[in-house]
Amino acid sequence: MNGHLLNDANEVFYEWTDKMVFAGSEEILPDLECSHLPDNQLDFNDCYEQKEEDIMPAEEKVVGEWFYQCRVKAGGQEWKLPSYFLLHDSMKSFDLKKKQWMGEEDK
């Protein structure tokens, strides 16, 4: 395994030979631009908040699918207990067995 620090030492990527381990990213909103100036984190945060209605559903879809696929690879379909995850500050959770988002009242 080889680890690499990228950019300003804020990202670490590993080169694995095991095909079960993966890393990467996915572009979810190619037309969306949020600039980030190193001295002012608020630029990015303000942009994110202004475009949150577009960003959140796309994030939920991609992250939900990723967690679901990880659970399947780990044999999760055989697990007896339910599995959920939620995004920060979200009122919904993702049921990894049913592969759907739900509110607290739906559990």
PDB file of N, CA and C in Angstrom:
ATOM      1  N   MET A   1       0.850  -1.174   0.000  1.00  0.00           N
ATOM      2  CA  MET A   1       0.000   0.000   0.000  1.00  0.00           C
ATOM      3  C   MET A   1       0.892   1.232   0.000  1.00  0.00           C
ATOM      4  N   ASN A   2       0.604   2.155  -0.856  1.00  0.00           N
ATOM      5  CA  ASN A   2       1.330   3.419  -0.925  1.00  0.00           C
ATOM      6  C   ASN A   2       0.378   4.557  -0.634  1.00  0.00           C
ATOM      7  N   GLY A   3       0.712   5.407   0.330  1.00  0.00           N
ATOM      8  CA  GLY A   3      -0.123   6.562   0.634  1.00  0.00           C
ATOM      9  C   GLY A   3       0.483   7.825   0.053  1.00  0.00           C
ATOM     10  N   HIS A   4      -0.354   8.716  -0.406  1.00  0.00           N
ATOM     11  CA  HIS A   4       0.114   9.967  -0.991  1.00  0.00           C
ATOM     12  C   HIS A   4      -0.670  11.131  -0.407  1.00  0.00           C
ATOM     13  N   LEU A   5       0.034  12.166   0.003  1.00  0.00           N
ATOM     14  CA  LEU A   5      -0.619  13.408   0.398  1.00  0.00           C
ATOM     15  C   LEU A   5      -0.741  14.279  -0.838  1.00  0.00           C
ATOM     16  N   LEU A   6      -1.915  14.834  -1.035  1.00  0.00           N
ATOM     17  CA  LEU A   6      -2.151  15.667  -2.207  1.00  0.00           C
ATOM     18  C   LEU A   6      -2.474  17.094  -1.804  1.00  0.00           C
ATOM     19  N   ASN A   7      -2.320  17.997  -2.733  1.00  0.00           N
ATOM     20  CA  ASN A   7      -2.658  19.416  -2.563  1.00  0.00           C
ATOM     21  C   ASN A   7      -1.985  20.001  -1.334  1.00  0.00           C
ATOM     22  N   ASP A   8      -2.748  20.557  -0.435  1.00  0.00           N
ATOM     23  CA  ASP A   8      -2.194  21.198   0.755  1.00  0.00           C
ATOM     24  C   ASP A   8      -2.189  20.245   1.939  1.00  0.00           C
ATOM     25  N   ALA A   9      -1.882  18.992   1.686  1.00  0.00           N
ATOM     26  CA  ALA A   9      -1.863  17.950   2.711  1.00  0.00           C
ATOM     27  C   ALA A   9      -3.233  17.772   3.352  1.00  0.00           C
ATOM     28  N   ASN A  10      -4.287  17.985   2.575  1.00  0.00           N
ATOM     29  CA  ASN A  10      -5.628  17.818   3.125  1.00  0.00           C
ATOM     30  C   ASN A  10      -6.359  16.630   2.503  1.00  0.00           C
ATOM     31  N   GLU A  11      -5.687  15.881   1.646  1.00  0.00           N
ATOM     32  CA  GLU A  11      -6.281  14.693   1.058  1.00  0.00           C
ATOM     33  C   GLU A  11      -5.244  13.582   1.086  1.00  0.00           C
ATOM     34  N   VAL A  12      -5.681  12.383   1.376  1.00  0.00           N
ATOM     35  CA  VAL A  12      -4.795  11.228   1.337  1.00  0.00           C
ATOM     36  C   VAL A  12      -5.425  10.193   0.425  1.00  0.00           C
ATOM     37  N   PHE A  13      -4.660   9.722  -0.527  1.00  0.00           N
ATOM     38  CA  PHE A  13      -5.124   8.659  -1.401  1.00  0.00           C
ATOM     39  C   PHE A  13      -4.169   7.484  -1.281  1.00  0.00           C
ATOM     40  N   TYR A  14      -4.709   6.293  -1.308  1.00  0.00           N
ATOM     41  CA  TYR A  14      -3.914   5.081  -1.232  1.00  0.00           C
ATOM     42  C   TYR A  14      -4.033   4.310  -2.527  1.00  0.00           C
ATOM     43  N   GLU A  15      -2.938   3.709  -2.922  1.00  0.00           N
ATOM     44  CA  GLU A  15      -2.957   2.824  -4.076  1.00  0.00           C
ATOM     45  C   GLU A  15      -3.024   1.402  -3.531  1.00  0.00           C
ATOM     46  N   TRP A  16      -4.149   0.766  -3.717  1.00  0.00           N
ATOM     47  CA  TRP A  16      -4.369  -0.575  -3.191  1.00  0.00           C
ATOM     48  C   TRP A  16      -4.279  -1.587  -4.322  1.00  0.00           C
ATOM     49  N   THR A  17      -3.857  -2.767  -3.990  1.00  0.00           N
ATOM     50  CA  THR A  17      -3.892  -3.848  -4.970  1.00  0.00           C
ATOM     51  C   THR A  17      -5.146  -4.681  -4.785  1.00  0.00           C
ATOM     52  N   ASP A  18      -5.785  -4.568  -3.641  1.00  0.00           N
ATOM     53  CA  ASP A  18      -7.015  -5.303  -3.349  1.00  0.00           C
ATOM     54  C   ASP A  18      -8.179  -4.643  -4.084  1.00  0.00           C
ATOM     55  N   LYS A  19      -8.852  -5.381  -4.949  1.00  0.00           N
ATOM     56  CA  LYS A  19      -9.950  -4.815  -5.737  1.00  0.00           C
ATOM     57  C   LYS A  19     -11.189  -4.517  -4.890  1.00  0.00           C
ATOM     58  N   MET A  20     -11.244  -4.993  -3.653  1.00  0.00           N
ATOM     59  CA  MET A  20     -12.378  -4.711  -2.776  1.00  0.00           C
ATOM     60  C   MET A  20     -12.268  -3.314  -2.160  1.00  0.00           C
ATOM     61  N   VAL A  21     -11.086  -2.723  -2.201  1.00  0.00           N
ATOM     62  CA  VAL A  21     -10.868  -1.402  -1.622  1.00  0.00           C
ATOM     63  C   VAL A  21     -10.822  -0.395  -2.764  1.00  0.00           C
ATOM     64  N   PHE A  22     -11.546   0.698  -2.598  1.00  0.00           N
ATOM     65  CA  PHE A  22     -11.582   1.693  -3.667  1.00  0.00           C
ATOM     66  C   PHE A  22     -11.650   3.090  -3.075  1.00  0.00           C
ATOM     67  N   ALA A  23     -11.259   4.037  -3.861  1.00  0.00           N
ATOM     68  CA  ALA A  23     -11.365   5.444  -3.475  1.00  0.00           C
ATOM     69  C   ALA A  23     -11.683   6.219  -4.742  1.00  0.00           C
ATOM     70  N   GLY A  24     -12.216   7.374  -4.565  1.00  0.00           N
ATOM     71  CA  GLY A  24     -12.496   8.169  -5.746  1.00  0.00           C
ATOM     72  C   GLY A  24     -13.470   9.273  -5.443  1.00  0.00           C
ATOM     73  N   SER A  25     -13.928   9.897  -6.481  1.00  0.00           N
ATOM     74  CA  SER A  25     -14.905  10.960  -6.331  1.00  0.00           C
ATOM     75  C   SER A  25     -15.831  10.918  -7.533  1.00  0.00           C
ATOM     76  N   GLU A  26     -16.937  11.586  -7.405  1.00  0.00           N
ATOM     77  CA  GLU A  26     -17.903  11.637  -8.490  1.00  0.00           C
ATOM     78  C   GLU A  26     -18.428  13.056  -8.606  1.00  0.00           C
ATOM     79  N   GLU A  27     -18.431  13.571  -9.803  1.00  0.00           N
ATOM     80  CA  GLU A  27     -18.962  14.904 -10.037  1.00  0.00           C
ATOM     81  C   GLU A  27     -20.484  14.799 -10.088  1.00  0.00           C
ATOM     82  N   ILE A  28     -21.168  15.535  -9.214  1.00  0.00           N
ATOM     83  CA  ILE A  28     -22.623  15.404  -9.157  1.00  0.00           C
ATOM     84  C   ILE A  28     -23.356  16.585  -9.773  1.00  0.00           C
ATOM     85  N   LEU A  29     -22.758  17.740  -9.763  1.00  0.00           N
ATOM     86  CA  LEU A  29     -23.380  18.928 -10.357  1.00  0.00           C
ATOM     87  C   LEU A  29     -22.326  19.666 -11.173  1.00  0.00           C
ATOM     88  N   PRO A  30     -22.087  19.242 -12.419  1.00  0.00           N
ATOM     89  CA  PRO A  30     -20.990  19.819 -13.192  1.00  0.00           C
ATOM     90  C   PRO A  30     -21.119  21.322 -13.454  1.00  0.00           C
ATOM     91  N   ASP A  31     -22.325  21.851 -13.447  1.00  0.00           N
ATOM     92  CA  ASP A  31     -22.504  23.282 -13.726  1.00  0.00           C
ATOM     93  C   ASP A  31     -22.388  24.164 -12.484  1.00  0.00           C
ATOM     94  N   LEU A  32     -22.292  23.555 -11.318  1.00  0.00           N
ATOM     95  CA  LEU A  32     -22.222  24.312 -10.074  1.00  0.00           C
ATOM     96  C   LEU A  32     -20.776  24.687  -9.780  1.00  0.00           C
ATOM     97  N   GLU A  33     -20.549  25.943  -9.479  1.00  0.00           N
ATOM     98  CA  GLU A  33     -19.216  26.391  -9.106  1.00  0.00           C
ATOM     99  C   GLU A  33     -19.276  27.127  -7.788  1.00  0.00           C
ATOM    100  N   CYS A  34     -18.429  26.718  -6.869  1.00  0.00           N
ATOM    101  CA  CYS A  34     -18.241  27.424  -5.602  1.00  0.00           C
ATOM    102  C   CYS A  34     -16.747  27.657  -5.470  1.00  0.00           C
ATOM    103  N   SER A  35     -16.347  28.894  -5.445  1.00  0.00           N
ATOM    104  CA  SER A  35     -14.919  29.174  -5.314  1.00  0.00           C
ATOM    105  C   SER A  35     -14.530  29.134  -3.844  1.00  0.00           C
ATOM    106  N   HIS A  36     -13.299  28.763  -3.618  1.00  0.00           N
ATOM    107  CA  HIS A  36     -12.780  28.690  -2.258  1.00  0.00           C
ATOM    108  C   HIS A  36     -11.461  29.453  -2.212  1.00  0.00           C
ATOM    109  N   LEU A  37     -11.440  30.474  -1.411  1.00  0.00           N
ATOM    110  CA  LEU A  37     -10.213  31.228  -1.216  1.00  0.00           C
ATOM    111  C   LEU A  37      -9.585  30.756   0.086  1.00  0.00           C
ATOM    112  N   PRO A  38      -8.302  30.411   0.082  1.00  0.00           N
ATOM    113  CA  PRO A  38      -7.669  29.834   1.267  1.00  0.00           C
ATOM    114  C   PRO A  38      -7.862  30.644   2.547  1.00  0.00           C
ATOM    115  N   ASP A  39      -7.903  31.961   2.443  1.00  0.00           N
ATOM    116  CA  ASP A  39      -8.023  32.786   3.641  1.00  0.00           C
ATOM    117  C   ASP A  39      -9.460  32.954   4.114  1.00  0.00           C
ATOM    118  N   ASN A  40     -10.414  32.489   3.337  1.00  0.00           N
ATOM    119  CA  ASN A  40     -11.801  32.751   3.691  1.00  0.00           C
ATOM    120  C   ASN A  40     -12.693  31.543   3.413  1.00  0.00           C
ATOM    121  N   GLN A  41     -12.811  30.665   4.386  1.00  0.00           N
ATOM    122  CA  GLN A  41     -13.663  29.478   4.255  1.00  0.00           C
ATOM    123  C   GLN A  41     -15.124  29.872   4.059  1.00  0.00           C
ATOM    124  N   LEU A  42     -15.484  31.064   4.493  1.00  0.00           N
ATOM    125  CA  LEU A  42     -16.875  31.501   4.368  1.00  0.00           C
ATOM    126  C   LEU A  42     -17.335  31.577   2.916  1.00  0.00           C
ATOM    127  N   ASP A  43     -16.431  31.843   1.984  1.00  0.00           N
ATOM    128  CA  ASP A  43     -16.807  31.887   0.568  1.00  0.00           C
ATOM    129  C   ASP A  43     -17.470  30.582   0.148  1.00  0.00           C
ATOM    130  N   PHE A  44     -16.817  29.473   0.465  1.00  0.00           N
ATOM    131  CA  PHE A  44     -17.364  28.170   0.093  1.00  0.00           C
ATOM    132  C   PHE A  44     -18.643  27.879   0.867  1.00  0.00           C
ATOM    133  N   ASN A  45     -18.634  28.135   2.167  1.00  0.00           N
ATOM    134  CA  ASN A  45     -19.818  27.863   2.987  1.00  0.00           C
ATOM    135  C   ASN A  45     -21.020  28.676   2.524  1.00  0.00           C
ATOM    136  N   ASP A  46     -20.808  29.949   2.205  1.00  0.00           N
ATOM    137  CA  ASP A  46     -21.905  30.790   1.709  1.00  0.00           C
ATOM    138  C   ASP A  46     -22.460  30.243   0.398  1.00  0.00           C
ATOM    139  N   CYS A  47     -21.579  29.860  -0.496  1.00  0.00           N
ATOM    140  CA  CYS A  47     -22.001  29.313  -1.783  1.00  0.00           C
ATOM    141  C   CYS A  47     -22.805  28.034  -1.566  1.00  0.00           C
ATOM    142  N   TYR A  48     -22.300  27.169  -0.697  1.00  0.00           N
ATOM    143  CA  TYR A  48     -22.984  25.906  -0.425  1.00  0.00           C
ATOM    144  C   TYR A  48     -24.391  26.161   0.122  1.00  0.00           C
ATOM    145  N   GLU A  49     -24.498  27.071   1.082  1.00  0.00           N
ATOM    146  CA  GLU A  49     -25.810  27.373   1.665  1.00  0.00           C
ATOM    147  C   GLU A  49     -26.764  27.968   0.632  1.00  0.00           C
ATOM    148  N   GLN A  50     -26.275  28.809  -0.245  1.00  0.00           N
ATOM    149  CA  GLN A  50     -27.126  29.422  -1.268  1.00  0.00           C
ATOM    150  C   GLN A  50     -27.647  28.390  -2.270  1.00  0.00           C
ATOM    151  N   LYS A  51     -26.869  27.348  -2.517  1.00  0.00           N
ATOM    152  CA  LYS A  51     -27.235  26.353  -3.531  1.00  0.00           C
ATOM    153  C   LYS A  51     -27.609  25.009  -2.916  1.00  0.00           C
ATOM    154  N   GLU A  52     -27.888  25.024  -1.618  1.00  0.00           N
ATOM    155  CA  GLU A  52     -28.153  23.793  -0.878  1.00  0.00           C
ATOM    156  C   GLU A  52     -29.325  22.990  -1.449  1.00  0.00           C
ATOM    157  N   GLU A  53     -30.353  23.668  -1.937  1.00  0.00           N
ATOM    158  CA  GLU A  53     -31.517  22.954  -2.476  1.00  0.00           C
ATOM    159  C   GLU A  53     -31.162  22.125  -3.704  1.00  0.00           C
ATOM    160  N   ASP A  54     -30.153  22.533  -4.443  1.00  0.00           N
ATOM    161  CA  ASP A  54     -29.685  21.752  -5.586  1.00  0.00           C
ATOM    162  C   ASP A  54     -28.674  20.690  -5.161  1.00  0.00           C
ATOM    163  N   ILE A  55     -27.826  21.050  -4.203  1.00  0.00           N
ATOM    164  CA  ILE A  55     -26.727  20.174  -3.808  1.00  0.00           C
ATOM    165  C   ILE A  55     -27.201  18.980  -2.979  1.00  0.00           C
ATOM    166  N   MET A  56     -28.048  19.217  -1.987  1.00  0.00           N
ATOM    167  CA  MET A  56     -28.425  18.147  -1.049  1.00  0.00           C
ATOM    168  C   MET A  56     -29.040  16.918  -1.724  1.00  0.00           C
ATOM    169  N   PRO A  57     -30.020  17.051  -2.612  1.00  0.00           N
ATOM    170  CA  PRO A  57     -30.576  15.840  -3.239  1.00  0.00           C
ATOM    171  C   PRO A  57     -29.530  15.057  -4.037  1.00  0.00           C
ATOM    172  N   ALA A  58     -28.627  15.763  -4.696  1.00  0.00           N
ATOM    173  CA  ALA A  58     -27.577  15.086  -5.460  1.00  0.00           C
ATOM    174  C   ALA A  58     -26.611  14.367  -4.525  1.00  0.00           C
ATOM    175  N   GLU A  59     -26.246  15.019  -3.415  1.00  0.00           N
ATOM    176  CA  GLU A  59     -25.378  14.377  -2.419  1.00  0.00           C
ATOM    177  C   GLU A  59     -26.050  13.140  -1.840  1.00  0.00           C
ATOM    178  N   GLU A  60     -27.313  13.278  -1.469  1.00  0.00           N
ATOM    179  CA  GLU A  60     -28.036  12.144  -0.893  1.00  0.00           C
ATOM    180  C   GLU A  60     -28.040  10.952  -1.842  1.00  0.00           C
ATOM    181  N   LYS A  61     -28.277  11.206  -3.101  1.00  0.00           N
ATOM    182  CA  LYS A  61     -28.339  10.122  -4.084  1.00  0.00           C
ATOM    183  C   LYS A  61     -26.990   9.409  -4.212  1.00  0.00           C
ATOM    184  N   VAL A  62     -25.923  10.171  -4.403  1.00  0.00           N
ATOM    185  CA  VAL A  62     -24.602   9.581  -4.614  1.00  0.00           C
ATOM    186  C   VAL A  62     -24.096   8.883  -3.355  1.00  0.00           C
ATOM    187  N   VAL A  63     -24.210   9.536  -2.213  1.00  0.00           N
ATOM    188  CA  VAL A  63     -23.704   8.952  -0.971  1.00  0.00           C
ATOM    189  C   VAL A  63     -24.550   7.745  -0.566  1.00  0.00           C
ATOM    190  N   GLY A  64     -25.864   7.823  -0.749  1.00  0.00           N
ATOM    191  CA  GLY A  64     -26.732   6.689  -0.444  1.00  0.00           C
ATOM    192  C   GLY A  64     -26.375   5.472  -1.266  1.00  0.00           C
ATOM    193  N   GLU A  65     -26.162   5.664  -2.546  1.00  0.00           N
ATOM    194  CA  GLU A  65     -25.779   4.555  -3.434  1.00  0.00           C
ATOM    195  C   GLU A  65     -24.426   3.984  -3.034  1.00  0.00           C
ATOM    196  N   TRP A  66     -23.483   4.852  -2.664  1.00  0.00           N
ATOM    197  CA  TRP A  66     -22.151   4.390  -2.266  1.00  0.00           C
ATOM    198  C   TRP A  66     -22.228   3.530  -1.004  1.00  0.00           C
ATOM    199  N   PHE A  67     -22.938   4.018   0.032  1.00  0.00           N
ATOM    200  CA  PHE A  67     -23.081   3.230   1.254  1.00  0.00           C
ATOM    201  C   PHE A  67     -23.797   1.913   0.978  1.00  0.00           C
ATOM    202  N   TYR A  68     -24.816   1.948   0.150  1.00  0.00           N
ATOM    203  CA  TYR A  68     -25.553   0.730  -0.193  1.00  0.00           C
ATOM    204  C   TYR A  68     -24.618  -0.291  -0.855  1.00  0.00           C
ATOM    205  N   GLN A  69     -23.825   0.148  -1.828  1.00  0.00           N
ATOM    206  CA  GLN A  69     -22.905  -0.763  -2.509  1.00  0.00           C
ATOM    207  C   GLN A  69     -21.850  -1.313  -1.549  1.00  0.00           C
ATOM    208  N   CYS A  70     -21.357  -0.485  -0.631  1.00  0.00           N
ATOM    209  CA  CYS A  70     -20.393  -0.963   0.371  1.00  0.00           C
ATOM    210  C   CYS A  70     -21.019  -2.037   1.250  1.00  0.00           C
ATOM    211  N   ARG A  71     -22.248  -1.823   1.660  1.00  0.00           N
ATOM    212  CA  ARG A  71     -22.952  -2.795   2.499  1.00  0.00           C
ATOM    213  C   ARG A  71     -23.147  -4.106   1.751  1.00  0.00           C
ATOM    214  N   VAL A  72     -23.526  -4.035   0.483  1.00  0.00           N
ATOM    215  CA  VAL A  72     -23.699  -5.250  -0.327  1.00  0.00           C
ATOM    216  C   VAL A  72     -22.375  -6.001  -0.429  1.00  0.00           C
ATOM    217  N   LYS A  73     -21.279  -5.288  -0.708  1.00  0.00           N
ATOM    218  CA  LYS A  73     -19.960  -5.928  -0.818  1.00  0.00           C
ATOM    219  C   LYS A  73     -19.542  -6.587   0.487  1.00  0.00           C
ATOM    220  N   ALA A  74     -19.999  -6.043   1.609  1.00  0.00           N
ATOM    221  CA  ALA A  74     -19.658  -6.594   2.926  1.00  0.00           C
ATOM    222  C   ALA A  74     -20.597  -7.728   3.338  1.00  0.00           C
ATOM    223  N   GLY A  75     -21.527  -8.107   2.466  1.00  0.00           N
ATOM    224  CA  GLY A  75     -22.469  -9.172   2.794  1.00  0.00           C
ATOM    225  C   GLY A  75     -23.657  -8.695   3.597  1.00  0.00           C
ATOM    226  N   GLY A  76     -23.932  -7.422   3.580  1.00  0.00           N
ATOM    227  CA  GLY A  76     -24.976  -6.828   4.408  1.00  0.00           C
ATOM    228  C   GLY A  76     -26.381  -7.316   4.141  1.00  0.00           C
ATOM    229  N   GLN A  77     -26.657  -7.858   2.961  1.00  0.00           N
ATOM    230  CA  GLN A  77     -28.004  -8.349   2.674  1.00  0.00           C
ATOM    231  C   GLN A  77     -28.353  -9.553   3.549  1.00  0.00           C
ATOM    232  N   GLU A  78     -27.342 -10.179   4.135  1.00  0.00           N
ATOM    233  CA  GLU A  78     -27.568 -11.330   5.018  1.00  0.00           C
ATOM    234  C   GLU A  78     -27.743 -10.921   6.482  1.00  0.00           C
ATOM    235  N   TRP A  79     -27.476  -9.683   6.818  1.00  0.00           N
ATOM    236  CA  TRP A  79     -27.548  -9.227   8.200  1.00  0.00           C
ATOM    237  C   TRP A  79     -28.995  -9.161   8.657  1.00  0.00           C
ATOM    238  N   LYS A  80     -29.233  -9.552   9.892  1.00  0.00           N
ATOM    239  CA  LYS A  80     -30.588  -9.530  10.456  1.00  0.00           C
ATOM    240  C   LYS A  80     -30.987  -8.132  10.935  1.00  0.00           C
ATOM    241  N   LEU A  81     -30.033  -7.375  11.447  1.00  0.00           N
ATOM    242  CA  LEU A  81     -30.341  -6.044  11.977  1.00  0.00           C
ATOM    243  C   LEU A  81     -30.402  -5.015  10.855  1.00  0.00           C
ATOM    244  N   PRO A  82     -31.280  -4.025  10.981  1.00  0.00           N
ATOM    245  CA  PRO A  82     -31.328  -2.967   9.969  1.00  0.00           C
ATOM    246  C   PRO A  82     -30.098  -2.066  10.070  1.00  0.00           C
ATOM    247  N   SER A  83     -29.781  -1.408   8.996  1.00  0.00           N
ATOM    248  CA  SER A  83     -28.649  -0.476   8.951  1.00  0.00           C
ATOM    249  C   SER A  83     -29.125   0.834   8.343  1.00  0.00           C
ATOM    250  N   TYR A  84     -28.706   1.931   8.958  1.00  0.00           N
ATOM    251  CA  TYR A  84     -29.091   3.260   8.485  1.00  0.00           C
ATOM    252  C   TYR A  84     -27.878   4.176   8.512  1.00  0.00           C
ATOM    253  N   PHE A  85     -27.901   5.216   7.720  1.00  0.00           N
ATOM    254  CA  PHE A  85     -26.950   6.308   7.879  1.00  0.00           C
ATOM    255  C   PHE A  85     -27.691   7.594   7.569  1.00  0.00           C
ATOM    256  N   LEU A  86     -27.134   8.705   8.042  1.00  0.00           N
ATOM    257  CA  LEU A  86     -27.721  10.001   7.728  1.00  0.00           C
ATOM    258  C   LEU A  86     -26.612  11.004   7.491  1.00  0.00           C
ATOM    259  N   LEU A  87     -26.949  12.011   6.729  1.00  0.00           N
ATOM    260  CA  LEU A  87     -26.008  13.090   6.466  1.00  0.00           C
ATOM    261  C   LEU A  87     -26.104  14.112   7.596  1.00  0.00           C
ATOM    262  N   HIS A  88     -25.040  14.823   7.839  1.00  0.00           N
ATOM    263  CA  HIS A  88     -24.985  15.825   8.901  1.00  0.00           C
ATOM    264  C   HIS A  88     -26.153  16.802   8.789  1.00  0.00           C
ATOM    265  N   ASP A  89     -26.803  17.052   9.908  1.00  0.00           N
ATOM    266  CA  ASP A  89     -27.935  17.984  10.011  1.00  0.00           C
ATOM    267  C   ASP A  89     -29.177  17.551   9.231  1.00  0.00           C
ATOM    268  N   SER A  90     -29.233  16.318   8.817  1.00  0.00           N
ATOM    269  CA  SER A  90     -30.388  15.837   8.061  1.00  0.00           C
ATOM    270  C   SER A  90     -31.436  15.262   9.004  1.00  0.00           C
ATOM    271  N   MET A  91     -32.681  15.393   8.627  1.00  0.00           N
ATOM    272  CA  MET A  91     -33.780  14.815   9.398  1.00  0.00           C
ATOM    273  C   MET A  91     -34.170  13.447   8.835  1.00  0.00           C
ATOM    274  N   LYS A  92     -33.544  13.050   7.739  1.00  0.00           N
ATOM    275  CA  LYS A  92     -33.846  11.772   7.112  1.00  0.00           C
ATOM    276  C   LYS A  92     -32.669  10.823   7.294  1.00  0.00           C
ATOM    277  N   SER A  93     -32.953   9.536   7.269  1.00  0.00           N
ATOM    278  CA  SER A  93     -31.893   8.538   7.263  1.00  0.00           C
ATOM    279  C   SER A  93     -32.117   7.607   6.077  1.00  0.00           C
ATOM    280  N   PHE A  94     -31.054   6.943   5.674  1.00  0.00           N
ATOM    281  CA  PHE A  94     -31.112   6.044   4.527  1.00  0.00           C
ATOM    282  C   PHE A  94     -31.140   4.619   5.035  1.00  0.00           C
ATOM    283  N   ASP A  95     -32.182   3.879   4.703  1.00  0.00           N
ATOM    284  CA  ASP A  95     -32.308   2.471   5.067  1.00  0.00           C
ATOM    285  C   ASP A  95     -31.491   1.671   4.059  1.00  0.00           C
ATOM    286  N   LEU A  96     -30.400   1.080   4.529  1.00  0.00           N
ATOM    287  CA  LEU A  96     -29.492   0.380   3.632  1.00  0.00           C
ATOM    288  C   LEU A  96     -30.025  -0.976   3.181  1.00  0.00           C
ATOM    289  N   LYS A  97     -31.003  -1.507   3.872  1.00  0.00           N
ATOM    290  CA  LYS A  97     -31.610  -2.766   3.425  1.00  0.00           C
ATOM    291  C   LYS A  97     -32.662  -2.493   2.344  1.00  0.00           C
ATOM    292  N   LYS A  98     -33.491  -1.466   2.564  1.00  0.00           N
ATOM    293  CA  LYS A  98     -34.559  -1.135   1.614  1.00  0.00           C
ATOM    294  C   LYS A  98     -34.093  -0.191   0.505  1.00  0.00           C
ATOM    295  N   LYS A  99     -32.902   0.387   0.688  1.00  0.00           N
ATOM    296  CA  LYS A  99     -32.310   1.326  -0.275  1.00  0.00           C
ATOM    297  C   LYS A  99     -33.237   2.514  -0.527  1.00  0.00           C
ATOM    298  N   GLN A 100     -33.647   3.159   0.590  1.00  0.00           N
ATOM    299  CA  GLN A 100     -34.515   4.329   0.457  1.00  0.00           C
ATOM    300  C   GLN A 100     -34.338   5.267   1.643  1.00  0.00           C
ATOM    301  N   TRP A 101     -34.597   6.552   1.398  1.00  0.00           N
ATOM    302  CA  TRP A 101     -34.554   7.563   2.441  1.00  0.00           C
ATOM    303  C   TRP A 101     -35.864   7.529   3.207  1.00  0.00           C
ATOM    304  N   MET A 102     -35.790   7.802   4.521  1.00  0.00           N
ATOM    305  CA  MET A 102     -36.999   7.821   5.342  1.00  0.00           C
ATOM    306  C   MET A 102     -36.843   8.785   6.503  1.00  0.00           C
ATOM    307  N   GLY A 103     -37.983   9.274   6.987  1.00  0.00           N
ATOM    308  CA  GLY A 103     -38.001  10.126   8.165  1.00  0.00           C
ATOM    309  C   GLY A 103     -38.001   9.264   9.421  1.00  0.00           C
ATOM    310  N   GLU A 104     -37.777   9.886  10.565  1.00  0.00           N
ATOM    311  CA  GLU A 104     -37.747   9.157  11.839  1.00  0.00           C
ATOM    312  C   GLU A 104     -39.026   8.364  12.077  1.00  0.00           C
ATOM    313  N   GLU A 105     -40.155   8.925  11.674  1.00  0.00           N
ATOM    314  CA  GLU A 105     -41.439   8.267  11.919  1.00  0.00           C
ATOM    315  C   GLU A 105     -41.611   6.998  11.086  1.00  0.00           C
ATOM    316  N   ASP A 106     -40.790   6.808  10.061  1.00  0.00           N
ATOM    317  CA  ASP A 106     -40.919   5.648   9.180  1.00  0.00           C
ATOM    318  C   ASP A 106     -40.160   4.422   9.661  1.00  0.00           C
ATOM    319  N   LYS A 107     -39.296   4.570  10.661  1.00  0.00           N
ATOM    320  CA  LYS A 107     -38.485   3.430  11.133  1.00  0.00           C
ATOM    321  C   LYS A 107     -39.308   2.480  11.961  1.00  0.00           C
TER     322      LYS A 107
END
